[in-house]
Amino acid sequence: LGPVRNATQVEISLTDARSIGVSAPVRESGDIAGSGSCKLV
């Protein structure tokens, strides 16, 4: 989704997070400190 932002953010459901093995804490958009990690290709 555009336009570009100050920081990269991936928004997925909790089911999505479990299915690919990542952590996705429930947060407001932009509150990413200490949130989950992944690889983007």
PDB file of all heavy atoms in Angstrom:
ATOM      1  N   LEU A   1       0.852  -1.185   0.000  1.00  0.00           N
ATOM      2  CA  LEU A   1       0.000   0.000   0.000  1.00  0.00           C
ATOM      3  C   LEU A   1       0.883   1.229   0.000  1.00  0.00           C
ATOM      4  O   LEU A   1       1.904   1.278   0.686  1.00  0.00           O
ATOM      5  CB  LEU A   1      -0.929   0.018   1.220  1.00  0.00           C
ATOM      6  CG  LEU A   1      -1.894  -1.164   1.371  1.00  0.00           C
ATOM      7  CD1 LEU A   1      -2.868  -0.896   2.507  1.00  0.00           C
ATOM      8  CD2 LEU A   1      -2.636  -1.464   0.082  1.00  0.00           C
ATOM      9  N   GLY A   2       0.495   2.213  -0.782  1.00  0.00           N
ATOM     10  CA  GLY A   2       1.259   3.453  -0.870  1.00  0.00           C
ATOM     11  C   GLY A   2       0.484   4.599  -0.271  1.00  0.00           C
ATOM     12  O   GLY A   2      -0.692   4.445   0.050  1.00  0.00           O
ATOM     13  N   PRO A   3       1.118   5.748  -0.111  1.00  0.00           N
ATOM     14  CA  PRO A   3       2.492   6.056  -0.527  1.00  0.00           C
ATOM     15  C   PRO A   3       3.524   5.484   0.453  1.00  0.00           C
ATOM     16  O   PRO A   3       3.156   4.880   1.457  1.00  0.00           O
ATOM     17  CB  PRO A   3       2.504   7.583  -0.503  1.00  0.00           C
ATOM     18  CG  PRO A   3       1.496   7.962   0.542  1.00  0.00           C
ATOM     19  CD  PRO A   3       0.429   6.902   0.474  1.00  0.00           C
ATOM     20  N   VAL A   4       4.808   5.680   0.139  1.00  0.00           N
ATOM     21  CA  VAL A   4       5.863   5.194   1.031  1.00  0.00           C
ATOM     22  C   VAL A   4       5.714   5.852   2.400  1.00  0.00           C
ATOM     23  O   VAL A   4       5.128   6.934   2.531  1.00  0.00           O
ATOM     24  CB  VAL A   4       7.283   5.449   0.457  1.00  0.00           C
ATOM     25  CG1 VAL A   4       7.527   4.623  -0.781  1.00  0.00           C
ATOM     26  CG2 VAL A   4       7.543   6.919   0.212  1.00  0.00           C
ATOM     27  N   ARG A   5       6.245   5.193   3.408  1.00  0.00           N
ATOM     28  CA  ARG A   5       6.176   5.672   4.795  1.00  0.00           C
ATOM     29  C   ARG A   5       7.575   5.843   5.361  1.00  0.00           C
ATOM     30  O   ARG A   5       8.564   5.459   4.737  1.00  0.00           O
ATOM     31  CB  ARG A   5       5.407   4.666   5.661  1.00  0.00           C
ATOM     32  CG  ARG A   5       3.928   4.618   5.315  1.00  0.00           C
ATOM     33  CD  ARG A   5       3.182   3.980   6.443  1.00  0.00           C
ATOM     34  NE  ARG A   5       1.742   3.993   6.208  1.00  0.00           N
ATOM     35  CZ  ARG A   5       0.874   3.439   7.024  1.00  0.00           C
ATOM     36  NH1 ARG A   5       1.290   2.817   8.110  1.00  0.00           N
ATOM     37  NH2 ARG A   5      -0.412   3.488   6.768  1.00  0.00           N
ATOM     38  N   ASN A   6       7.647   6.364   6.571  1.00  0.00           N
ATOM     39  CA  ASN A   6       8.944   6.536   7.233  1.00  0.00           C
ATOM     40  C   ASN A   6       9.574   5.199   7.600  1.00  0.00           C
ATOM     41  O   ASN A   6      10.795   5.071   7.633  1.00  0.00           O
ATOM     42  CB  ASN A   6       8.803   7.391   8.495  1.00  0.00           C
ATOM     43  CG  ASN A   6       8.462   8.823   8.172  1.00  0.00           C
ATOM     44  OD1 ASN A   6       8.792   9.316   7.097  1.00  0.00           O
ATOM     45  ND2 ASN A   6       7.784   9.499   9.077  1.00  0.00           N
ATOM     46  N   ALA A   7       8.736   4.202   7.938  1.00  0.00           N
ATOM     47  CA  ALA A   7       9.248   2.891   8.338  1.00  0.00           C
ATOM     48  C   ALA A   7       8.432   1.798   7.659  1.00  0.00           C
ATOM     49  O   ALA A   7       7.231   1.954   7.439  1.00  0.00           O
ATOM     50  CB  ALA A   7       9.169   2.741   9.852  1.00  0.00           C
ATOM     51  N   THR A   8       9.086   0.697   7.352  1.00  0.00           N
ATOM     52  CA  THR A   8       8.421  -0.452   6.746  1.00  0.00           C
ATOM     53  C   THR A   8       7.600  -1.186   7.800  1.00  0.00           C
ATOM     54  O   THR A   8       8.054  -1.381   8.928  1.00  0.00           O
ATOM     55  CB  THR A   8       9.463  -1.387   6.098  1.00  0.00           C
ATOM     56  OG1 THR A   8      10.069  -0.665   5.013  1.00  0.00           O
ATOM     57  CG2 THR A   8       8.855  -2.668   5.582  1.00  0.00           C
ATOM     58  N   GLN A   9       6.388  -1.582   7.418  1.00  0.00           N
ATOM     59  CA  GLN A   9       5.468  -2.266   8.339  1.00  0.00           C
ATOM     60  C   GLN A   9       4.696  -3.326   7.569  1.00  0.00           C
ATOM     61  O   GLN A   9       4.144  -3.045   6.506  1.00  0.00           O
ATOM     62  CB  GLN A   9       4.508  -1.239   8.940  1.00  0.00           C
ATOM     63  CG  GLN A   9       3.430  -1.806   9.828  1.00  0.00           C
ATOM     64  CD  GLN A   9       2.615  -0.683  10.470  1.00  0.00           C
ATOM     65  OE1 GLN A   9       3.102   0.055  11.299  1.00  0.00           O
ATOM     66  NE2 GLN A   9       1.373  -0.552  10.044  1.00  0.00           N
ATOM     67  N   VAL A  10       4.657  -4.542   8.112  1.00  0.00           N
ATOM     68  CA  VAL A  10       3.918  -5.655   7.529  1.00  0.00           C
ATOM     69  C   VAL A  10       2.707  -5.903   8.427  1.00  0.00           C
ATOM     70  O   VAL A  10       2.862  -6.099   9.626  1.00  0.00           O
ATOM     71  CB  VAL A  10       4.790  -6.929   7.444  1.00  0.00           C
ATOM     72  CG1 VAL A  10       3.998  -8.101   6.878  1.00  0.00           C
ATOM     73  CG2 VAL A  10       6.042  -6.669   6.613  1.00  0.00           C
ATOM     74  N   GLU A  11       1.500  -5.877   7.848  1.00  0.00           N
ATOM     75  CA  GLU A  11       0.272  -6.091   8.611  1.00  0.00           C
ATOM     76  C   GLU A  11      -0.372  -7.387   8.163  1.00  0.00           C
ATOM     77  O   GLU A  11      -0.775  -7.518   7.002  1.00  0.00           O
ATOM     78  CB  GLU A  11      -0.702  -4.925   8.417  1.00  0.00           C
ATOM     79  CG  GLU A  11      -0.173  -3.619   8.975  1.00  0.00           C
ATOM     80  CD  GLU A  11      -1.161  -2.474   8.843  1.00  0.00           C
ATOM     81  OE1 GLU A  11      -2.383  -2.701   9.039  1.00  0.00           O
ATOM     82  OE2 GLU A  11      -0.714  -1.355   8.529  1.00  0.00           O
ATOM     83  N   ILE A  12      -0.435  -8.364   9.091  1.00  0.00           N
ATOM     84  CA  ILE A  12      -1.012  -9.670   8.803  1.00  0.00           C
ATOM     85  C   ILE A  12      -1.952 -10.061   9.944  1.00  0.00           C
ATOM     86  O   ILE A  12      -1.915  -9.468  11.020  1.00  0.00           O
ATOM     87  CB  ILE A  12       0.081 -10.741   8.594  1.00  0.00           C
ATOM     88  CG1 ILE A  12       0.972 -10.884   9.835  1.00  0.00           C
ATOM     89  CG2 ILE A  12       0.904 -10.431   7.364  1.00  0.00           C
ATOM     90  CD1 ILE A  12       2.045 -11.954   9.718  1.00  0.00           C
ATOM     91  N   SER A  13      -2.777 -11.052   9.692  1.00  0.00           N
ATOM     92  CA  SER A  13      -3.658 -11.551  10.745  1.00  0.00           C
ATOM     93  C   SER A  13      -2.871 -12.505  11.646  1.00  0.00           C
ATOM     94  O   SER A  13      -1.771 -12.957  11.297  1.00  0.00           O
ATOM     95  CB  SER A  13      -4.854 -12.282  10.127  1.00  0.00           C
ATOM     96  OG  SER A  13      -4.437 -13.521   9.581  1.00  0.00           O
ATOM     97  N   LEU A  14      -3.443 -12.840  12.791  1.00  0.00           N
ATOM     98  CA  LEU A  14      -2.784 -13.787  13.692  1.00  0.00           C
ATOM     99  C   LEU A  14      -2.704 -15.180  13.063  1.00  0.00           C
ATOM    100  O   LEU A  14      -1.720 -15.891  13.258  1.00  0.00           O
ATOM    101  CB  LEU A  14      -3.501 -13.822  15.040  1.00  0.00           C
ATOM    102  CG  LEU A  14      -3.439 -12.498  15.820  1.00  0.00           C
ATOM    103  CD1 LEU A  14      -4.249 -12.591  17.108  1.00  0.00           C
ATOM    104  CD2 LEU A  14      -2.003 -12.090  16.117  1.00  0.00           C
ATOM    105  N   THR A  15      -3.709 -15.544  12.271  1.00  0.00           N
ATOM    106  CA  THR A  15      -3.658 -16.818  11.545  1.00  0.00           C
ATOM    107  C   THR A  15      -2.507 -16.805  10.545  1.00  0.00           C
ATOM    108  O   THR A  15      -1.754 -17.778  10.438  1.00  0.00           O
ATOM    109  CB  THR A  15      -4.993 -17.096  10.820  1.00  0.00           C
ATOM    110  OG1 THR A  15      -6.032 -17.191  11.798  1.00  0.00           O
ATOM    111  CG2 THR A  15      -4.939 -18.383  10.011  1.00  0.00           C
ATOM    112  N   ASP A  16      -2.357 -15.694   9.809  1.00  0.00           N
ATOM    113  CA  ASP A  16      -1.233 -15.548   8.879  1.00  0.00           C
ATOM    114  C   ASP A  16       0.094 -15.723   9.609  1.00  0.00           C
ATOM    115  O   ASP A  16       0.991 -16.431   9.138  1.00  0.00           O
ATOM    116  CB  ASP A  16      -1.229 -14.153   8.232  1.00  0.00           C
ATOM    117  CG  ASP A  16      -2.291 -13.954   7.169  1.00  0.00           C
ATOM    118  OD1 ASP A  16      -2.876 -14.950   6.697  1.00  0.00           O
ATOM    119  OD2 ASP A  16      -2.524 -12.779   6.819  1.00  0.00           O
ATOM    120  N   ALA A  17       0.224 -15.059  10.755  1.00  0.00           N
ATOM    121  CA  ALA A  17       1.479 -15.096  11.515  1.00  0.00           C
ATOM    122  C   ALA A  17       1.828 -16.531  11.912  1.00  0.00           C
ATOM    123  O   ALA A  17       2.967 -16.977  11.739  1.00  0.00           O
ATOM    124  CB  ALA A  17       1.373 -14.203  12.750  1.00  0.00           C
ATOM    125  N   ARG A  18       0.846 -17.255  12.446  1.00  0.00           N
ATOM    126  CA  ARG A  18       1.085 -18.648  12.826  1.00  0.00           C
ATOM    127  C   ARG A  18       1.458 -19.504  11.620  1.00  0.00           C
ATOM    128  O   ARG A  18       2.334 -20.355  11.698  1.00  0.00           O
ATOM    129  CB  ARG A  18      -0.140 -19.231  13.533  1.00  0.00           C
ATOM    130  CG  ARG A  18      -0.226 -18.880  14.999  1.00  0.00           C
ATOM    131  CD  ARG A  18      -1.296 -19.663  15.727  1.00  0.00           C
ATOM    132  NE  ARG A  18      -2.653 -19.296  15.334  1.00  0.00           N
ATOM    133  CZ  ARG A  18      -3.310 -18.234  15.764  1.00  0.00           C
ATOM    134  NH1 ARG A  18      -2.736 -17.405  16.609  1.00  0.00           N
ATOM    135  NH2 ARG A  18      -4.531 -17.983  15.350  1.00  0.00           N
ATOM    136  N   SER A  19       0.786 -19.272  10.503  1.00  0.00           N
ATOM    137  CA  SER A  19       1.005 -20.140   9.337  1.00  0.00           C
ATOM    138  C   SER A  19       2.405 -20.002   8.749  1.00  0.00           C
ATOM    139  O   SER A  19       2.921 -20.964   8.190  1.00  0.00           O
ATOM    140  CB  SER A  19      -0.061 -19.898   8.273  1.00  0.00           C
ATOM    141  OG  SER A  19       0.131 -18.678   7.617  1.00  0.00           O
ATOM    142  N   ILE A  20       3.028 -18.831   8.854  1.00  0.00           N
ATOM    143  CA  ILE A  20       4.396 -18.690   8.311  1.00  0.00           C
ATOM    144  C   ILE A  20       5.462 -18.620   9.407  1.00  0.00           C
ATOM    145  O   ILE A  20       6.648 -18.474   9.116  1.00  0.00           O
ATOM    146  CB  ILE A  20       4.529 -17.484   7.343  1.00  0.00           C
ATOM    147  CG1 ILE A  20       4.311 -16.149   8.044  1.00  0.00           C
ATOM    148  CG2 ILE A  20       3.624 -17.666   6.138  1.00  0.00           C
ATOM    149  CD1 ILE A  20       4.729 -14.942   7.207  1.00  0.00           C
ATOM    150  N   GLY A  21       5.049 -18.724  10.683  1.00  0.00           N
ATOM    151  CA  GLY A  21       6.021 -18.794  11.768  1.00  0.00           C
ATOM    152  C   GLY A  21       6.675 -17.474  12.128  1.00  0.00           C
ATOM    153  O   GLY A  21       7.899 -17.403  12.296  1.00  0.00           O
ATOM    154  N   VAL A  22       5.865 -16.420  12.231  1.00  0.00           N
ATOM    155  CA  VAL A  22       6.390 -15.125  12.679  1.00  0.00           C
ATOM    156  C   VAL A  22       5.577 -14.625  13.861  1.00  0.00           C
ATOM    157  O   VAL A  22       4.443 -15.056  14.081  1.00  0.00           O
ATOM    158  CB  VAL A  22       6.375 -14.045  11.561  1.00  0.00           C
ATOM    159  CG1 VAL A  22       7.249 -14.472  10.388  1.00  0.00           C
ATOM    160  CG2 VAL A  22       4.971 -13.737  11.097  1.00  0.00           C
ATOM    161  N   SER A  23       6.145 -13.708  14.597  1.00  0.00           N
ATOM    162  CA  SER A  23       5.447 -13.040  15.695  1.00  0.00           C
ATOM    163  C   SER A  23       4.782 -11.791  15.129  1.00  0.00           C
ATOM    164  O   SER A  23       5.394 -11.062  14.346  1.00  0.00           O
ATOM    165  CB  SER A  23       6.455 -12.645  16.778  1.00  0.00           C
ATOM    166  OG  SER A  23       5.837 -11.818  17.741  1.00  0.00           O
ATOM    167  N   ALA A  24       3.527 -11.560  15.523  1.00  0.00           N
ATOM    168  CA  ALA A  24       2.803 -10.367  15.061  1.00  0.00           C
ATOM    169  C   ALA A  24       1.974  -9.839  16.235  1.00  0.00           C
ATOM    170  O   ALA A  24       0.792 -10.160  16.368  1.00  0.00           O
ATOM    171  CB  ALA A  24       1.925 -10.678  13.870  1.00  0.00           C
ATOM    172  N   PRO A  25       2.594  -9.034  17.106  1.00  0.00           N
ATOM    173  CA  PRO A  25       1.832  -8.498  18.225  1.00  0.00           C
ATOM    174  C   PRO A  25       0.717  -7.575  17.734  1.00  0.00           C
ATOM    175  O   PRO A  25       0.850  -6.947  16.687  1.00  0.00           O
ATOM    176  CB  PRO A  25       2.874  -7.724  19.036  1.00  0.00           C
ATOM    177  CG  PRO A  25       3.982  -7.422  18.079  1.00  0.00           C
ATOM    178  CD  PRO A  25       3.970  -8.536  17.074  1.00  0.00           C
ATOM    179  N   VAL A  26      -0.391  -7.532  18.482  1.00  0.00           N
ATOM    180  CA  VAL A  26      -1.501  -6.648  18.129  1.00  0.00           C
ATOM    181  C   VAL A  26      -1.098  -5.232  18.511  1.00  0.00           C
ATOM    182  O   VAL A  26      -0.863  -4.943  19.683  1.00  0.00           O
ATOM    183  CB  VAL A  26      -2.801  -7.075  18.841  1.00  0.00           C
ATOM    184  CG1 VAL A  26      -3.926  -6.091  18.524  1.00  0.00           C
ATOM    185  CG2 VAL A  26      -3.192  -8.492  18.438  1.00  0.00           C
ATOM    186  N   ARG A  27      -1.008  -4.369  17.509  1.00  0.00           N
ATOM    187  CA  ARG A  27      -0.526  -3.001  17.707  1.00  0.00           C
ATOM    188  C   ARG A  27      -1.281  -2.037  16.818  1.00  0.00           C
ATOM    189  O   ARG A  27      -1.813  -2.408  15.775  1.00  0.00           O
ATOM    190  CB  ARG A  27       0.949  -2.880  17.316  1.00  0.00           C
ATOM    191  CG  ARG A  27       1.922  -3.767  18.056  1.00  0.00           C
ATOM    192  CD  ARG A  27       2.410  -3.096  19.311  1.00  0.00           C
ATOM    193  NE  ARG A  27       3.409  -3.866  20.012  1.00  0.00           N
ATOM    194  CZ  ARG A  27       4.722  -3.828  19.774  1.00  0.00           C
ATOM    195  NH1 ARG A  27       5.200  -3.063  18.816  1.00  0.00           N
ATOM    196  NH2 ARG A  27       5.543  -4.549  20.496  1.00  0.00           N
ATOM    197  N   GLU A  28      -1.251  -0.758  17.214  1.00  0.00           N
ATOM    198  CA  GLU A  28      -1.728   0.295  16.322  1.00  0.00           C
ATOM    199  C   GLU A  28      -0.685   0.489  15.232  1.00  0.00           C
ATOM    200  O   GLU A  28       0.516   0.288  15.449  1.00  0.00           O
ATOM    201  CB  GLU A  28      -1.927   1.608  17.087  1.00  0.00           C
ATOM    202  CG  GLU A  28      -3.188   1.628  17.925  1.00  0.00           C
ATOM    203  CD  GLU A  28      -3.495   3.014  18.435  1.00  0.00           C
ATOM    204  OE1 GLU A  28      -3.611   3.942  17.616  1.00  0.00           O
ATOM    205  OE2 GLU A  28      -3.619   3.164  19.659  1.00  0.00           O
ATOM    206  N   SER A  29      -1.144   0.886  14.063  1.00  0.00           N
ATOM    207  CA  SER A  29      -0.245   1.154  12.953  1.00  0.00           C
ATOM    208  C   SER A  29       0.815   2.161  13.374  1.00  0.00           C
ATOM    209  O   SER A  29       0.514   3.154  14.020  1.00  0.00           O
ATOM    210  CB  SER A  29      -1.032   1.698  11.759  1.00  0.00           C
ATOM    211  OG  SER A  29      -0.177   1.902  10.670  1.00  0.00           O
ATOM    212  N   GLY A  30       2.063   1.871  13.019  1.00  0.00           N
ATOM    213  CA  GLY A  30       3.174   2.752  13.361  1.00  0.00           C
ATOM    214  C   GLY A  30       3.874   2.369  14.644  1.00  0.00           C
ATOM    215  O   GLY A  30       5.015   2.770  14.878  1.00  0.00           O
ATOM    216  N   ASP A  31       3.245   1.569  15.505  1.00  0.00           N
ATOM    217  CA  ASP A  31       3.844   1.138  16.775  1.00  0.00           C
ATOM    218  C   ASP A  31       4.580  -0.179  16.526  1.00  0.00           C
ATOM    219  O   ASP A  31       4.067  -1.257  16.810  1.00  0.00           O
ATOM    220  CB  ASP A  31       2.751   0.971  17.838  1.00  0.00           C
ATOM    221  CG  ASP A  31       3.306   0.519  19.186  1.00  0.00           C
ATOM    222  OD1 ASP A  31       4.553   0.517  19.356  1.00  0.00           O
ATOM    223  OD2 ASP A  31       2.492   0.160  20.053  1.00  0.00           O
ATOM    224  N   ILE A  32       5.786  -0.065  15.971  1.00  0.00           N
ATOM    225  CA  ILE A  32       6.491  -1.273  15.550  1.00  0.00           C
ATOM    226  C   ILE A  32       7.687  -1.623  16.426  1.00  0.00           C
ATOM    227  O   ILE A  32       8.289  -2.677  16.234  1.00  0.00           O
ATOM    228  CB  ILE A  32       6.939  -1.174  14.073  1.00  0.00           C
ATOM    229  CG1 ILE A  32       7.883   0.011  13.857  1.00  0.00           C
ATOM    230  CG2 ILE A  32       5.729  -1.109  13.147  1.00  0.00           C
ATOM    231  CD1 ILE A  32       8.559   0.028  12.498  1.00  0.00           C
ATOM    232  N   ALA A  33       8.042  -0.803  17.405  1.00  0.00           N
ATOM    233  CA  ALA A  33       9.201  -1.086  18.253  1.00  0.00           C
ATOM    234  C   ALA A  33       9.027  -2.449  18.921  1.00  0.00           C
ATOM    235  O   ALA A  33       8.021  -2.717  19.565  1.00  0.00           O
ATOM    236  CB  ALA A  33       9.375   0.003  19.300  1.00  0.00           C
ATOM    237  N   GLY A  34      10.013  -3.332  18.723  1.00  0.00           N
ATOM    238  CA  GLY A  34       9.973  -4.646  19.346  1.00  0.00           C
ATOM    239  C   GLY A  34       8.953  -5.595  18.749  1.00  0.00           C
ATOM    240  O   GLY A  34       8.658  -6.639  19.328  1.00  0.00           O
ATOM    241  N   SER A  35       8.399  -5.271  17.574  1.00  0.00           N
ATOM    242  CA  SER A  35       7.408  -6.145  16.930  1.00  0.00           C
ATOM    243  C   SER A  35       8.119  -7.261  16.172  1.00  0.00           C
ATOM    244  O   SER A  35       9.335  -7.396  16.225  1.00  0.00           O
ATOM    245  CB  SER A  35       6.493  -5.323  16.021  1.00  0.00           C
ATOM    246  OG  SER A  35       7.238  -4.692  15.002  1.00  0.00           O
ATOM    247  N   GLY A  36       7.339  -8.066  15.433  1.00  0.00           N
ATOM    248  CA  GLY A  36       7.869  -9.246  14.767  1.00  0.00           C
ATOM    249  C   GLY A  36       8.822  -8.958  13.616  1.00  0.00           C
ATOM    250  O   GLY A  36       8.912  -7.836  13.106  1.00  0.00           O
ATOM    251  N   SER A  37       9.534 -10.010  13.221  1.00  0.00           N
ATOM    252  CA  SER A  37      10.502  -9.899  12.130  1.00  0.00           C
ATOM    253  C   SER A  37      10.163 -10.901  11.024  1.00  0.00           C
ATOM    254  O   SER A  37       9.444 -11.878  11.254  1.00  0.00           O
ATOM    255  CB  SER A  37      11.913 -10.172  12.656  1.00  0.00           C
ATOM    256  OG  SER A  37      11.986 -11.484  13.189  1.00  0.00           O
ATOM    257  N   CYS A  38      10.675 -10.638   9.830  1.00  0.00           N
ATOM    258  CA  CYS A  38      10.491 -11.524   8.685  1.00  0.00           C
ATOM    259  C   CYS A  38      11.493 -11.129   7.609  1.00  0.00           C
ATOM    260  O   CYS A  38      12.255 -10.176   7.784  1.00  0.00           O
ATOM    261  CB  CYS A  38       9.064 -11.432   8.133  1.00  0.00           C
ATOM    262  SG  CYS A  38       8.690  -9.859   7.331  1.00  0.00           S
ATOM    263  N   LYS A  39      11.475 -11.859   6.507  1.00  0.00           N
ATOM    264  CA  LYS A  39      12.288 -11.475   5.352  1.00  0.00           C
ATOM    265  C   LYS A  39      11.342 -11.013   4.251  1.00  0.00           C
ATOM    266  O   LYS A  39      10.287 -11.609   4.040  1.00  0.00           O
ATOM    267  CB  LYS A  39      13.126 -12.652   4.852  1.00  0.00           C
ATOM    268  CG  LYS A  39      13.973 -12.260   3.658  1.00  0.00           C
ATOM    269  CD  LYS A  39      15.038 -13.216   3.166  1.00  0.00           C
ATOM    270  CE  LYS A  39      14.889 -14.645   3.387  1.00  0.00           C
ATOM    271  NZ  LYS A  39      15.970 -15.428   2.726  1.00  0.00           N
ATOM    272  N   LEU A  40      11.703  -9.936   3.562  1.00  0.00           N
ATOM    273  CA  LEU A  40      10.965  -9.443   2.410  1.00  0.00           C
ATOM    274  C   LEU A  40      11.827  -9.667   1.174  1.00  0.00           C
ATOM    275  O   LEU A  40      13.020  -9.337   1.177  1.00  0.00           O
ATOM    276  CB  LEU A  40      10.652  -7.952   2.551  1.00  0.00           C
ATOM    277  CG  LEU A  40       9.838  -7.534   3.769  1.00  0.00           C
ATOM    278  CD1 LEU A  40       9.662  -6.013   3.795  1.00  0.00           C
ATOM    279  CD2 LEU A  40       8.495  -8.230   3.794  1.00  0.00           C
ATOM    280  N   VAL A  41      11.226 -10.224   0.113  1.00  0.00           N
ATOM    281  CA  VAL A  41      11.966 -10.509  -1.110  1.00  0.00           C
ATOM    282  C   VAL A  41      11.263  -9.833  -2.285  1.00  0.00           C
ATOM    283  O   VAL A  41      10.076 -10.045  -2.519  1.00  0.00           O
ATOM    284  CB  VAL A  41      12.065 -12.031  -1.365  1.00  0.00           C
ATOM    285  CG1 VAL A  41      12.861 -12.305  -2.641  1.00  0.00           C
ATOM    286  CG2 VAL A  41      12.683 -12.745  -0.172  1.00  0.00           C
TER     287      VAL A  41
END
